[in-house]
Structure formats: C-alpha cells, structure tokens
Amino acid sequence: MGKLVLSFDPEWPILDANVEHGHFRGHGDAHFPTDAVDEFVTSLQVYPLQRSDLTLRSPGLINISVFPADGVGHLFVQVEVAEEIEARGFARVRLRTDYSRLSRFADQLSLMAKGEVTEVILEEDKA
C-alpha cells in the first residue's frame, strides 16, 4: 500500500511531498503557487476525469498526475518527486484510488492553498 503526504507551512511558501509504496520512498519540495493549485483542484472535480496535472518546480520538483486506471471508476495518482530540478534521478510512485478519495484529497488541497490545513494525505485504495 502506498501514500502521498503533502505538507505546507503558510509562513514559508514551499510544499513538501513525501511518497511511499511498500519499502520505496521519495521526497521533493517546490514553490507552492496557489493559483496553479486552484486550477488543478478544479480539474479534479470533473467527472469523468480524463487527465489532470500539477507540476511545481524550484527548488525541487513535484509532479502530480491523475488519470483513469480502468473503466469502472478507479484512478491512478502518479507522483514524481526530486529534491533538485536538475536532478538526474527522481522518484515515481503510482497510487490507485477512486473518485471518493480523490474528492477528499482535492478538498483538503484546496484548504491547504488557503492556509487552513498544513498536511494532506492520500492513501492508496487497498482493493
């Protein structure tokens, strides 16, 4: 089972991302522009979802892509992280989720962009 943990301190506009899947772990951090996040959250609320991407850069890299996994409502959330933009190596994790979990994630991410929450967790669907 995997998960994505996003942490944000409104005093310091850097988003911190930690991903894990089994024994594998990755970390990245990047500037957190709330306008880009608002567009991303809006795109996550479309049904049926086609594909939605959020790419944040500097000083590191956080790339979150959401796309259909199958025709029955499962989705993949693919996360790529690196501690430096120019890093040759980066971590990529693909988490399987559903619309319900994605909706909660989008709501929490929206609150984070407003400075109302400091941590958002998306856990992979166990099924």
Protein backbone atom coordinates (compact mmCIF):
# COMPACT_ATOMS: atom_id res chain seq x y z
CA MET A 1 0.00 0.00 0.00
CA GLY A 2 1.23 3.49 -0.78
CA LYS A 3 0.54 7.05 0.20
CA LEU A 4 1.28 10.66 -0.63
CA VAL A 5 1.82 13.18 2.17
CA LEU A 6 1.87 16.89 1.31
CA SER A 7 2.98 19.36 3.99
CA PHE A 8 2.85 23.15 3.78
CA ASP A 9 3.74 25.97 6.15
CA PRO A 10 1.91 29.19 5.08
CA GLU A 11 4.79 31.25 6.52
CA TRP A 12 7.18 29.63 4.01
CA PRO A 13 5.59 29.07 0.55
CA ILE A 14 7.24 25.69 -0.08
CA LEU A 15 5.25 22.48 -0.49
CA ASP A 16 6.92 19.34 0.83
CA ALA A 17 5.93 16.00 -0.73
CA ASN A 18 6.71 12.53 0.58
CA VAL A 19 5.63 9.42 -1.29
CA GLU A 20 5.90 5.80 -0.35
CA HIS A 21 4.90 2.49 -1.83
CA GLY A 22 5.97 -0.63 0.02
CA HIS A 23 9.61 -0.17 1.03
CA PHE A 24 10.16 2.55 -1.59
CA ARG A 25 10.23 6.23 -0.54
CA GLY A 26 10.76 9.57 -2.28
CA HIS A 27 10.84 13.25 -1.35
CA GLY A 28 10.55 16.56 -3.16
CA ASP A 29 9.82 20.18 -2.38
CA ALA A 30 8.78 23.11 -4.53
CA HIS A 31 7.32 26.61 -4.51
CA PHE A 32 3.54 26.43 -3.87
CA PRO A 33 1.65 28.89 -6.15
CA THR A 34 -1.98 28.86 -5.02
CA ASP A 35 -3.34 29.88 -8.46
CA ALA A 36 -1.90 26.73 -10.09
CA VAL A 37 -3.28 24.62 -7.26
CA ASP A 38 -6.75 26.16 -7.67
CA GLU A 39 -6.75 25.19 -11.37
CA PHE A 40 -5.60 21.67 -10.50
CA VAL A 41 -8.28 21.23 -7.82
CA THR A 42 -10.96 22.45 -10.26
CA SER A 43 -9.78 19.93 -12.88
CA LEU A 44 -10.04 17.11 -10.30
CA GLN A 45 -13.73 17.84 -9.80
CA VAL A 46 -14.65 16.96 -13.41
CA TYR A 47 -16.46 13.67 -13.96
CA PRO A 48 -15.43 11.61 -15.73
CA LEU A 49 -11.87 12.72 -15.23
CA GLN A 50 -9.66 12.49 -18.32
CA ARG A 51 -6.27 13.62 -17.06
CA SER A 52 -5.14 16.34 -14.70
CA ASP A 53 -1.59 17.50 -13.98
CA LEU A 54 0.07 19.74 -11.41
CA THR A 55 3.77 20.48 -11.86
CA LEU A 56 5.60 22.54 -9.24
CA ARG A 57 9.26 23.49 -9.65
CA SER A 58 12.01 25.16 -7.66
CA PRO A 59 13.95 24.32 -5.65
CA GLY A 60 12.92 20.72 -6.34
CA LEU A 61 10.21 19.05 -8.38
CA ILE A 62 6.73 17.81 -7.54
CA ASN A 63 4.62 16.48 -10.40
CA ILE A 64 1.19 15.04 -9.65
CA SER A 65 -0.83 13.46 -12.47
CA VAL A 66 -4.29 11.94 -12.10
CA PHE A 67 -5.81 9.76 -14.81
CA PRO A 68 -8.25 6.85 -15.23
CA ALA A 69 -6.97 3.38 -14.31
CA ASP A 70 -9.90 1.45 -15.79
CA GLY A 71 -13.48 1.87 -16.97
CA VAL A 72 -15.13 1.27 -13.60
CA GLY A 73 -14.12 4.37 -11.65
CA HIS A 74 -10.61 3.63 -10.42
CA LEU A 75 -7.95 6.26 -10.90
CA PHE A 76 -4.18 6.46 -10.76
CA VAL A 77 -2.39 9.28 -8.99
CA GLN A 78 1.18 9.32 -10.28
CA VAL A 79 3.63 11.36 -8.24
CA GLU A 80 7.15 12.26 -9.33
CA VAL A 81 9.44 13.99 -6.83
CA ALA A 82 13.03 15.23 -6.78
CA GLU A 83 14.93 17.39 -4.34
CA GLU A 84 16.51 19.41 -7.18
CA ILE A 85 15.02 20.48 -10.52
CA GLU A 86 18.10 19.36 -12.41
CA ALA A 87 18.35 16.02 -10.59
CA ARG A 88 19.05 13.12 -12.91
CA GLY A 89 17.22 10.79 -10.58
CA PHE A 90 13.70 11.22 -9.32
CA ALA A 91 11.17 9.04 -7.57
CA ARG A 92 7.94 7.99 -9.28
CA VAL A 93 5.08 6.31 -7.45
CA ARG A 94 1.68 5.36 -8.84
CA LEU A 95 -1.18 5.11 -6.36
CA ARG A 96 -4.55 3.56 -7.18
CA THR A 97 -7.56 5.46 -5.84
CA ASP A 98 -11.22 6.18 -6.54
CA TYR A 99 -13.36 9.29 -7.02
CA SER A 100 -14.37 9.45 -3.36
CA ARG A 101 -10.78 9.51 -2.09
CA LEU A 102 -9.78 11.92 -4.86
CA SER A 103 -12.61 14.28 -3.90
CA ARG A 104 -11.44 14.35 -0.26
CA PHE A 105 -7.86 14.92 -1.45
CA ALA A 106 -8.97 17.81 -3.70
CA ASP A 107 -10.98 19.40 -0.87
CA GLN A 108 -8.04 19.17 1.53
CA LEU A 109 -5.61 20.50 -1.10
CA SER A 110 -7.91 23.48 -1.65
CA LEU A 111 -7.92 24.17 2.11
CA MET A 112 -4.13 23.88 2.13
CA ALA A 113 -3.85 26.50 -0.62
CA LYS A 114 -5.94 28.82 1.59
CA GLY A 115 -3.65 28.18 4.56
CA GLU A 116 -6.35 26.36 6.55
CA VAL A 117 -4.61 22.97 6.79
CA THR A 118 -0.91 22.15 6.81
CA GLU A 119 -0.96 18.47 5.81
CA VAL A 120 -2.86 16.42 3.24
CA ILE A 121 -2.61 12.64 2.98
CA LEU A 122 -3.80 10.48 0.10
CA GLU A 123 -3.65 6.76 0.85
CA GLU A 124 -3.87 4.19 -1.88
CA ASP A 125 -7.06 2.18 -2.25
CA LYS A 126 -6.43 -1.27 -0.78
CA ALA A 127 -8.59 -3.04 -3.37
